[in-house]
Each structure stands twice: as structure tokens, then as C-alpha cells.
Amino acid sequence: MTAALELNQIVGRHGQLQAIKGMTLRIDKGEVAAIIGANGAGKTTLMRMIAGLHPCAEGSIALFGSDVTAMPAHGRLKAGIALSPEGRRLFGDMTVQENLMIAAENGRRGDWNLASVCDAFSQITPLLARPAGGLSGGQRQAVAIARALIANPDVLLLDEVSLGLSPVAVDGVYQSLETLRGAMTMIVVEQDLTRAMKFASRVICMAEGVLELDGAPKNLTRAQITDAYFGIHKTADTAAGGAAHA
């Protein structure tokens, strides 16, 4: 299968802190991957590095075989990578339609336009003339995803889909995301483990900037994922090493 994304030993830093520690990862075309992990695991940094919003200090990133490591964020958007960021980051004093059209003008031409994203996210249709700053959390999330989608990406990055949303709002967002399955590659950062395992074809668990666990939900137990999420085996290995040297 064709690789949509290939990350080769990438390193991401925040000053002296190494947030991503030599990660290698392949995401195939059309795959739906959920990235999970505790706060500080490096999930958002990873997403920003893929989108070109955070520099890759070492290693390389390839999109469908083409090296995009040095490509800026606007270039990656044109190449086919779009990010719906943590916190949504809409232009609050602009209308929903204006937010969407800015992305459309800076993205690629394709099947996704104002009409088609409103079909996929029907909840935003009555909101088009409203300022984005006055929307509810669920509405803002739907608009943020639609804004990424209208750029016609091959790879759609969704950071913290359900963060701060009510269960009803989360259900609505995921119902819309289901309609995108198979149309593009999706990488979703999700704090709700049950939701991640139900939605994704692959679950990737990060801890302290490294990949701890990677596999299909049907092949992973909740205990395995929980241990990887909290780095339990790391703690046990460290304790065992300390005892051996005592």
C-alpha cells in the first residue's frame, strides 16, 4: 500500500526540551489512525511538525514519497496536508463563511467547497453568517474541521477532536467524520480512549516523545494500551535497573 506519510527518525524540540525523540512512523493512504497519550506525550508537537508549523530538528518527513521536511506550512497545505488544530483557532471576529473561504483560497482545488463541506457538516449551514467567536464549542470544532477539509487535503490532521466538548457535541462531530472515511488519510489526536478505538483502524500510543504502542484496536487489549499510555513498563524497567545496580 502507498505510504501517505513517512516520518524517519524525526526530532522536535522546545528549546532544550526534546518533545519528539527520534520517531519513525508510516501512515498508509486512506488509513484512519488515532494518536493517544497523556498530557506532555508530544502529540500536538507531532501534529504541528507534520503540518509544518513546528520545525523538524532532525530526521525527515515525506508526503507520498516526496520530502517535505523543509517545506513551510503554507506549502504543505498546497501539497495536501491540512490541520484542524487544538483549540480550533478560528478568526472570532469573522463569520463562519469567511473563515471557510480563507482556507479555500489558500488550499487546493478539488471536490470540497462551501456546499460540500456544509453537506458533510450540516450543523454549520445555519451558522455561515454568524461570527465564529460566538459559537459553542461543538460548533467551533465542526467549523475548524470543515475549514481544514475545504482546503482539499490528502492528509487530514485533527488535533484533540473531543477536548472540552459535551458528549452530544462529540457524537455530532464524529458522525460527520464517518462520512470522510476512505476519502482521505486521517490522523486524529483523541483523549477519549473508547472513542479512539471505535473510530480508528489503528491506534498509536505516545509517551514522553516516543512511540510506545502501535496496532489495530482489535489486536490490542485495554490493559496494553493503558500500560503504554502511562509508561508503566518504563517505570518497571527503571525500577528493575535501579535494583540491579543497588
C-alpha atoms as a PDB file:
ATOM      1  CA  MET A   1       0.000   0.000   0.000  1.00  0.00           C
ATOM      2  CA  THR A   2       1.150   3.545  -0.756  1.00  0.00           C
ATOM      3  CA  ALA A   3       2.528   5.496   2.195  1.00  0.00           C
ATOM      4  CA  ALA A   4       0.748   8.810   2.672  1.00  0.00           C
ATOM      5  CA  LEU A   5       3.224   9.900   5.336  1.00  0.00           C
ATOM      6  CA  GLU A   6       6.643   8.609   6.310  1.00  0.00           C
ATOM      7  CA  LEU A   7       8.384  10.029   9.361  1.00  0.00           C
ATOM      8  CA  ASN A   8      12.014   8.979   9.650  1.00  0.00           C
ATOM      9  CA  GLN A   9      13.757   9.499  12.994  1.00  0.00           C
ATOM     10  CA  ILE A  10      12.209  12.938  13.483  1.00  0.00           C
ATOM     11  CA  VAL A  11      13.197  15.077  16.452  1.00  0.00           C
ATOM     12  CA  GLY A  12      11.175  18.053  17.698  1.00  0.00           C
ATOM     13  CA  ARG A  13      12.451  20.464  20.332  1.00  0.00           C
ATOM     14  CA  HIS A  14      11.073  23.234  22.511  1.00  0.00           C
ATOM     15  CA  GLY A  15      14.264  24.998  23.485  1.00  0.00           C
ATOM     16  CA  GLN A  16      16.352  22.445  25.375  1.00  0.00           C
ATOM     17  CA  LEU A  17      13.395  20.101  25.795  1.00  0.00           C
ATOM     18  CA  GLN A  18      13.202  17.270  23.290  1.00  0.00           C
ATOM     19  CA  ALA A  19       9.472  16.766  22.776  1.00  0.00           C
ATOM     20  CA  ILE A  20       9.747  14.214  19.926  1.00  0.00           C
ATOM     21  CA  LYS A  21      12.642  11.795  20.301  1.00  0.00           C
ATOM     22  CA  GLY A  22      13.653  10.208  17.039  1.00  0.00           C
ATOM     23  CA  MET A  23      10.225   8.906  15.973  1.00  0.00           C
ATOM     24  CA  THR A  24       9.783   6.742  12.896  1.00  0.00           C
ATOM     25  CA  LEU A  25       6.257   6.169  11.637  1.00  0.00           C
ATOM     26  CA  ARG A  26       4.478   5.209   8.413  1.00  0.00           C
ATOM     27  CA  ILE A  27       0.832   6.069   7.719  1.00  0.00           C
ATOM     28  CA  ASP A  28      -0.690   4.428   4.653  1.00  0.00           C
ATOM     29  CA  LYS A  29      -3.015   6.083   2.151  1.00  0.00           C
ATOM     30  CA  GLY A  30      -6.630   6.023   3.351  1.00  0.00           C
ATOM     31  CA  GLU A  31      -5.712   4.934   6.867  1.00  0.00           C
ATOM     32  CA  VAL A  32      -7.525   6.297   9.920  1.00  0.00           C
ATOM     33  CA  ALA A  33      -5.020   6.495  12.771  1.00  0.00           C
ATOM     34  CA  ALA A  34      -5.746   7.693  16.305  1.00  0.00           C
ATOM     35  CA  ILE A  35      -2.885   9.078  18.376  1.00  0.00           C
ATOM     36  CA  ILE A  36      -3.349   8.826  22.120  1.00  0.00           C
ATOM     37  CA  GLY A  37      -1.182   9.595  25.128  1.00  0.00           C
ATOM     38  CA  ALA A  38      -1.073  11.511  28.388  1.00  0.00           C
ATOM     39  CA  ASN A  39      -0.535  15.272  28.603  1.00  0.00           C
ATOM     40  CA  GLY A  40       3.031  16.067  27.600  1.00  0.00           C
ATOM     41  CA  ALA A  41       3.411  12.961  25.450  1.00  0.00           C
ATOM     42  CA  GLY A  42       4.231  15.099  22.395  1.00  0.00           C
ATOM     43  CA  LYS A  43       1.028  14.556  20.409  1.00  0.00           C
ATOM     44  CA  THR A  44       0.383  18.189  19.485  1.00  0.00           C
ATOM     45  CA  THR A  45       4.053  18.809  18.694  1.00  0.00           C
ATOM     46  CA  LEU A  46       3.987  15.811  16.361  1.00  0.00           C
ATOM     47  CA  MET A  47       0.897  17.111  14.562  1.00  0.00           C
ATOM     48  CA  ARG A  48       2.413  20.581  14.208  1.00  0.00           C
ATOM     49  CA  MET A  49       5.620  19.079  12.834  1.00  0.00           C
ATOM     50  CA  ILE A  50       3.700  17.127  10.198  1.00  0.00           C
ATOM     51  CA  ALA A  51       1.783  20.293   9.243  1.00  0.00           C
ATOM     52  CA  GLY A  52       4.972  22.359   9.055  1.00  0.00           C
ATOM     53  CA  LEU A  53       4.131  24.613  11.985  1.00  0.00           C
ATOM     54  CA  HIS A  54       6.976  23.311  14.182  1.00  0.00           C
ATOM     55  CA  PRO A  55      10.495  22.725  12.851  1.00  0.00           C
ATOM     56  CA  CYS A  56      11.931  19.266  12.422  1.00  0.00           C
ATOM     57  CA  ALA A  57      15.298  19.477  14.218  1.00  0.00           C
ATOM     58  CA  GLU A  58      16.450  16.104  12.881  1.00  0.00           C
ATOM     59  CA  GLY A  59      15.110  13.408  10.569  1.00  0.00           C
ATOM     60  CA  SER A  60      12.756  13.727   7.612  1.00  0.00           C
ATOM     61  CA  ILE A  61       9.066  13.843   6.669  1.00  0.00           C
ATOM     62  CA  ALA A  62       7.781  12.576   3.329  1.00  0.00           C
ATOM     63  CA  LEU A  63       4.331  13.032   1.776  1.00  0.00           C
ATOM     64  CA  PHE A  64       3.551  10.336  -0.797  1.00  0.00           C
ATOM     65  CA  GLY A  65       7.288   9.795  -1.231  1.00  0.00           C
ATOM     66  CA  SER A  66       8.245  13.467  -1.642  1.00  0.00           C
ATOM     67  CA  ASP A  67      10.418  15.028   1.062  1.00  0.00           C
ATOM     68  CA  VAL A  68       8.583  17.965   2.659  1.00  0.00           C
ATOM     69  CA  THR A  69      10.867  18.412   5.682  1.00  0.00           C
ATOM     70  CA  ALA A  70      11.984  21.886   4.668  1.00  0.00           C
ATOM     71  CA  MET A  71       8.612  22.914   3.234  1.00  0.00           C
ATOM     72  CA  PRO A  72       6.752  25.668   5.171  1.00  0.00           C
ATOM     73  CA  ALA A  73       3.208  25.220   6.442  1.00  0.00           C
ATOM     74  CA  HIS A  74       1.555  27.048   3.533  1.00  0.00           C
ATOM     75  CA  GLY A  75       3.497  24.850   1.110  1.00  0.00           C
ATOM     76  CA  ARG A  76       2.346  21.703   2.878  1.00  0.00           C
ATOM     77  CA  LEU A  77      -1.245  22.923   2.724  1.00  0.00           C
ATOM     78  CA  LYS A  78      -0.867  23.280  -1.036  1.00  0.00           C
ATOM     79  CA  ALA A  79       0.807  19.852  -1.177  1.00  0.00           C
ATOM     80  CA  GLY A  80      -2.114  18.207   0.615  1.00  0.00           C
ATOM     81  CA  ILE A  81      -1.686  18.354   4.418  1.00  0.00           C
ATOM     82  CA  ALA A  82      -4.317  20.257   6.431  1.00  0.00           C
ATOM     83  CA  LEU A  83      -4.518  20.620  10.211  1.00  0.00           C
ATOM     84  CA  SER A  84      -7.521  21.289  12.426  1.00  0.00           C
ATOM     85  CA  PRO A  85      -5.546  22.497  15.463  1.00  0.00           C
ATOM     86  CA  GLU A  86      -6.040  22.077  19.163  1.00  0.00           C
ATOM     87  CA  GLY A  87      -8.181  24.971  20.398  1.00  0.00           C
ATOM     88  CA  ARG A  88      -9.807  25.369  16.925  1.00  0.00           C
ATOM     89  CA  ARG A  89      -8.119  28.791  16.376  1.00  0.00           C
ATOM     90  CA  LEU A  90     -10.872  30.365  14.322  1.00  0.00           C
ATOM     91  CA  PHE A  91     -10.918  34.073  13.477  1.00  0.00           C
ATOM     92  CA  GLY A  92     -13.508  35.085  16.043  1.00  0.00           C
ATOM     93  CA  ASP A  93     -14.471  38.441  14.529  1.00  0.00           C
ATOM     94  CA  MET A  94     -15.053  36.922  11.097  1.00  0.00           C
ATOM     95  CA  THR A  95     -18.108  34.968  10.012  1.00  0.00           C
ATOM     96  CA  VAL A  96     -18.065  31.203   9.669  1.00  0.00           C
ATOM     97  CA  GLN A  97     -18.241  31.550   5.888  1.00  0.00           C
ATOM     98  CA  GLU A  98     -15.304  33.966   5.860  1.00  0.00           C
ATOM     99  CA  ASN A  99     -13.258  31.515   7.963  1.00  0.00           C
ATOM    100  CA  LEU A 100     -14.010  28.756   5.486  1.00  0.00           C
ATOM    101  CA  MET A 101     -13.295  30.806   2.383  1.00  0.00           C
ATOM    102  CA  ILE A 102      -9.861  31.898   3.624  1.00  0.00           C
ATOM    103  CA  ALA A 103      -8.892  28.234   3.814  1.00  0.00           C
ATOM    104  CA  ALA A 104     -10.445  27.525   0.419  1.00  0.00           C
ATOM    105  CA  GLU A 105      -8.466  30.341  -1.186  1.00  0.00           C
ATOM    106  CA  ASN A 106      -5.182  29.132   0.301  1.00  0.00           C
ATOM    107  CA  GLY A 107      -5.721  25.401  -0.223  1.00  0.00           C
ATOM    108  CA  ARG A 108      -6.075  23.256  -3.325  1.00  0.00           C
ATOM    109  CA  ARG A 109      -8.832  22.926  -5.876  1.00  0.00           C
ATOM    110  CA  GLY A 110     -10.928  19.805  -5.550  1.00  0.00           C
ATOM    111  CA  ASP A 111     -14.287  18.292  -4.663  1.00  0.00           C
ATOM    112  CA  TRP A 112     -14.529  20.068  -1.312  1.00  0.00           C
ATOM    113  CA  ASN A 113     -16.110  23.503  -1.495  1.00  0.00           C
ATOM    114  CA  LEU A 114     -18.551  25.517   0.614  1.00  0.00           C
ATOM    115  CA  ALA A 115     -21.540  23.416  -0.474  1.00  0.00           C
ATOM    116  CA  SER A 116     -19.885  20.031   0.014  1.00  0.00           C
ATOM    117  CA  VAL A 117     -18.414  20.796   3.448  1.00  0.00           C
ATOM    118  CA  CYS A 118     -21.829  22.042   4.558  1.00  0.00           C
ATOM    119  CA  ASP A 119     -23.292  18.739   3.354  1.00  0.00           C
ATOM    120  CA  ALA A 120     -20.706  16.811   5.404  1.00  0.00           C
ATOM    121  CA  PHE A 121     -21.091  19.092   8.439  1.00  0.00           C
ATOM    122  CA  SER A 122     -24.736  20.066   8.153  1.00  0.00           C
ATOM    123  CA  GLN A 123     -24.687  21.718  11.575  1.00  0.00           C
ATOM    124  CA  ILE A 124     -22.657  24.642  10.206  1.00  0.00           C
ATOM    125  CA  THR A 125     -25.068  25.591   7.398  1.00  0.00           C
ATOM    126  CA  PRO A 126     -27.263  27.848   9.584  1.00  0.00           C
ATOM    127  CA  LEU A 127     -24.133  29.382  11.124  1.00  0.00           C
ATOM    128  CA  LEU A 128     -22.482  30.712   7.967  1.00  0.00           C
ATOM    129  CA  ALA A 129     -23.353  34.363   8.601  1.00  0.00           C
ATOM    130  CA  ARG A 130     -22.561  34.271  12.321  1.00  0.00           C
ATOM    131  CA  PRO A 131     -19.263  35.476  13.840  1.00  0.00           C
ATOM    132  CA  ALA A 132     -17.144  32.459  14.742  1.00  0.00           C
ATOM    133  CA  GLY A 133     -16.388  33.933  18.164  1.00  0.00           C
ATOM    134  CA  GLY A 134     -19.985  33.460  19.289  1.00  0.00           C
ATOM    135  CA  LEU A 135     -20.245  29.743  18.555  1.00  0.00           C
ATOM    136  CA  SER A 136     -20.443  26.894  21.050  1.00  0.00           C
ATOM    137  CA  GLY A 137     -17.531  24.502  21.473  1.00  0.00           C
ATOM    138  CA  GLY A 138     -19.093  21.825  19.300  1.00  0.00           C
ATOM    139  CA  GLN A 139     -19.938  24.333  16.597  1.00  0.00           C
ATOM    140  CA  ARG A 140     -16.405  25.753  16.608  1.00  0.00           C
ATOM    141  CA  GLN A 141     -14.963  22.258  16.303  1.00  0.00           C
ATOM    142  CA  ALA A 142     -17.202  21.452  13.332  1.00  0.00           C
ATOM    143  CA  VAL A 143     -16.178  24.700  11.631  1.00  0.00           C
ATOM    144  CA  ALA A 144     -12.479  24.083  12.352  1.00  0.00           C
ATOM    145  CA  ILE A 145     -12.644  20.629  10.746  1.00  0.00           C
ATOM    146  CA  ALA A 146     -14.647  21.977   7.795  1.00  0.00           C
ATOM    147  CA  ARG A 147     -12.029  24.710   7.372  1.00  0.00           C
ATOM    148  CA  ALA A 148      -9.291  22.078   7.084  1.00  0.00           C
ATOM    149  CA  LEU A 149     -11.434  19.969   4.774  1.00  0.00           C
ATOM    150  CA  ILE A 150     -12.242  22.780   2.331  1.00  0.00           C
ATOM    151  CA  ALA A 151      -8.510  23.020   1.552  1.00  0.00           C
ATOM    152  CA  ASN A 152      -8.923  19.614  -0.172  1.00  0.00           C
ATOM    153  CA  PRO A 153      -6.216  17.689   1.712  1.00  0.00           C
ATOM    154  CA  ASP A 154      -4.961  14.190   1.055  1.00  0.00           C
ATOM    155  CA  VAL A 155      -3.940  14.005   4.736  1.00  0.00           C
ATOM    156  CA  LEU A 156      -6.288  15.482   7.340  1.00  0.00           C
ATOM    157  CA  LEU A 157      -4.814  16.112  10.800  1.00  0.00           C
ATOM    158  CA  LEU A 158      -7.306  16.535  13.654  1.00  0.00           C
ATOM    159  CA  ASP A 159      -5.832  17.583  16.998  1.00  0.00           C
ATOM    160  CA  GLU A 160      -7.863  16.936  20.173  1.00  0.00           C
ATOM    161  CA  VAL A 161     -11.203  16.347  18.480  1.00  0.00           C
ATOM    162  CA  SER A 162     -13.302  15.935  21.630  1.00  0.00           C
ATOM    163  CA  LEU A 163     -11.413  18.182  24.065  1.00  0.00           C
ATOM    164  CA  GLY A 164     -13.823  20.378  26.027  1.00  0.00           C
ATOM    165  CA  LEU A 165     -16.925  19.198  24.186  1.00  0.00           C
ATOM    166  CA  SER A 166     -20.130  17.712  25.558  1.00  0.00           C
ATOM    167  CA  PRO A 167     -20.877  14.061  24.689  1.00  0.00           C
ATOM    168  CA  VAL A 168     -23.661  15.191  22.353  1.00  0.00           C
ATOM    169  CA  ALA A 169     -21.308  17.568  20.514  1.00  0.00           C
ATOM    170  CA  VAL A 170     -18.662  14.849  20.219  1.00  0.00           C
ATOM    171  CA  ASP A 171     -21.231  12.449  18.760  1.00  0.00           C
ATOM    172  CA  GLY A 172     -22.183  15.037  16.144  1.00  0.00           C
ATOM    173  CA  VAL A 173     -18.594  15.708  15.124  1.00  0.00           C
ATOM    174  CA  TYR A 174     -17.770  12.011  14.799  1.00  0.00           C
ATOM    175  CA  GLN A 175     -20.919  11.312  12.794  1.00  0.00           C
ATOM    176  CA  SER A 176     -19.652  13.847  10.271  1.00  0.00           C
ATOM    177  CA  LEU A 177     -16.127  12.399  10.337  1.00  0.00           C
ATOM    178  CA  GLU A 178     -17.531   8.978   9.473  1.00  0.00           C
ATOM    179  CA  THR A 179     -18.603  10.352   6.098  1.00  0.00           C
ATOM    180  CA  LEU A 180     -14.952  11.136   5.320  1.00  0.00           C
ATOM    181  CA  ARG A 181     -13.707   7.604   5.907  1.00  0.00           C
ATOM    182  CA  GLY A 182     -11.966   6.278   2.814  1.00  0.00           C
ATOM    183  CA  ALA A 183     -11.890   9.682   1.107  1.00  0.00           C
ATOM    184  CA  MET A 184      -8.559  10.679   2.645  1.00  0.00           C
ATOM    185  CA  THR A 185      -5.945   9.731   5.211  1.00  0.00           C
ATOM    186  CA  MET A 186      -6.904  10.861   8.717  1.00  0.00           C
ATOM    187  CA  ILE A 187      -4.736  11.220  11.810  1.00  0.00           C
ATOM    188  CA  VAL A 188      -6.757  12.032  14.915  1.00  0.00           C
ATOM    189  CA  VAL A 189      -5.429  13.022  18.339  1.00  0.00           C
ATOM    190  CA  GLU A 190      -8.081  11.816  20.769  1.00  0.00           C
ATOM    191  CA  GLN A 191      -8.189  11.836  24.572  1.00  0.00           C
ATOM    192  CA  ASP A 192     -11.206   9.522  24.738  1.00  0.00           C
ATOM    193  CA  LEU A 193      -9.732   6.012  24.504  1.00  0.00           C
ATOM    194  CA  THR A 194     -13.060   4.310  23.853  1.00  0.00           C
ATOM    195  CA  ARG A 195     -13.852   6.739  21.063  1.00  0.00           C
ATOM    196  CA  ALA A 196     -10.378   6.330  19.539  1.00  0.00           C
ATOM    197  CA  MET A 197     -10.589   2.539  19.483  1.00  0.00           C
ATOM    198  CA  LYS A 198     -14.061   2.614  17.959  1.00  0.00           C
ATOM    199  CA  PHE A 199     -13.311   5.170  15.232  1.00  0.00           C
ATOM    200  CA  ALA A 200      -9.759   4.389  14.132  1.00  0.00           C
ATOM    201  CA  SER A 201      -8.371   1.454  12.183  1.00  0.00           C
ATOM    202  CA  ARG A 202      -5.082   1.932  14.007  1.00  0.00           C
ATOM    203  CA  VAL A 203      -4.153   3.199  17.463  1.00  0.00           C
ATOM    204  CA  ILE A 204      -0.775   4.800  18.112  1.00  0.00           C
ATOM    205  CA  CYS A 205       0.175   5.475  21.729  1.00  0.00           C
ATOM    206  CA  MET A 206       2.863   8.018  22.600  1.00  0.00           C
ATOM    207  CA  ALA A 207       4.635   8.635  25.894  1.00  0.00           C
ATOM    208  CA  GLU A 208       7.347  11.219  26.530  1.00  0.00           C
ATOM    209  CA  GLY A 209       8.008  11.835  22.856  1.00  0.00           C
ATOM    210  CA  VAL A 210       8.359   8.236  21.726  1.00  0.00           C
ATOM    211  CA  LEU A 211       6.058   5.685  20.149  1.00  0.00           C
ATOM    212  CA  GLU A 212       5.046   3.192  22.837  1.00  0.00           C
ATOM    213  CA  LEU A 213       2.411   1.055  21.120  1.00  0.00           C
ATOM    214  CA  ASP A 214       1.059   0.748  17.589  1.00  0.00           C
ATOM    215  CA  GLY A 215      -1.581  -1.613  16.250  1.00  0.00           C
ATOM    216  CA  ALA A 216      -5.147  -2.308  15.184  1.00  0.00           C
ATOM    217  CA  PRO A 217      -7.655  -1.857  18.041  1.00  0.00           C
ATOM    218  CA  LYS A 218      -8.895  -5.428  17.602  1.00  0.00           C
ATOM    219  CA  ASN A 219      -5.375  -6.716  18.313  1.00  0.00           C
ATOM    220  CA  LEU A 220      -4.764  -4.603  21.414  1.00  0.00           C
ATOM    221  CA  THR A 221      -6.141  -5.095  24.913  1.00  0.00           C
ATOM    222  CA  ARG A 222      -7.210  -2.177  27.036  1.00  0.00           C
ATOM    223  CA  ALA A 223      -4.549  -3.211  29.576  1.00  0.00           C
ATOM    224  CA  GLN A 224      -1.813  -2.984  26.925  1.00  0.00           C
ATOM    225  CA  ILE A 225      -2.969   0.452  25.880  1.00  0.00           C
ATOM    226  CA  THR A 226      -3.300   1.674  29.468  1.00  0.00           C
ATOM    227  CA  ASP A 227       0.219   0.478  30.315  1.00  0.00           C
ATOM    228  CA  ALA A 228       1.645   2.203  27.232  1.00  0.00           C
ATOM    229  CA  TYR A 229      -0.392   5.371  27.904  1.00  0.00           C
ATOM    230  CA  PHE A 230       1.069   5.781  31.363  1.00  0.00           C
ATOM    231  CA  GLY A 231       4.500   4.339  30.552  1.00  0.00           C
ATOM    232  CA  ILE A 232       4.052   1.649  33.201  1.00  0.00           C
ATOM    233  CA  HIS A 233       6.584  -0.718  31.672  1.00  0.00           C
ATOM    234  CA  LYS A 234       9.109   2.141  31.571  1.00  0.00           C
ATOM    235  CA  THR A 235       8.624   2.705  35.287  1.00  0.00           C
ATOM    236  CA  ALA A 236       9.024  -1.013  35.933  1.00  0.00           C
ATOM    237  CA  ASP A 237      12.182  -1.189  33.766  1.00  0.00           C
ATOM    238  CA  THR A 238      13.695   1.803  35.562  1.00  0.00           C
ATOM    239  CA  ALA A 239      12.919   0.273  38.955  1.00  0.00           C
ATOM    240  CA  ALA A 240      14.391  -3.058  37.900  1.00  0.00           C
ATOM    241  CA  GLY A 241      17.511  -1.360  36.596  1.00  0.00           C
ATOM    242  CA  GLY A 242      17.921   0.565  39.833  1.00  0.00           C
ATOM    243  CA  ALA A 243      17.545  -2.627  41.886  1.00  0.00           C
ATOM    244  CA  ALA A 244      20.134  -4.385  39.735  1.00  0.00           C
ATOM    245  CA  HIS A 245      22.675  -1.631  40.381  1.00  0.00           C
ATOM    246  CA  ALA A 246      21.903  -1.355  44.075  1.00  0.00           C
END
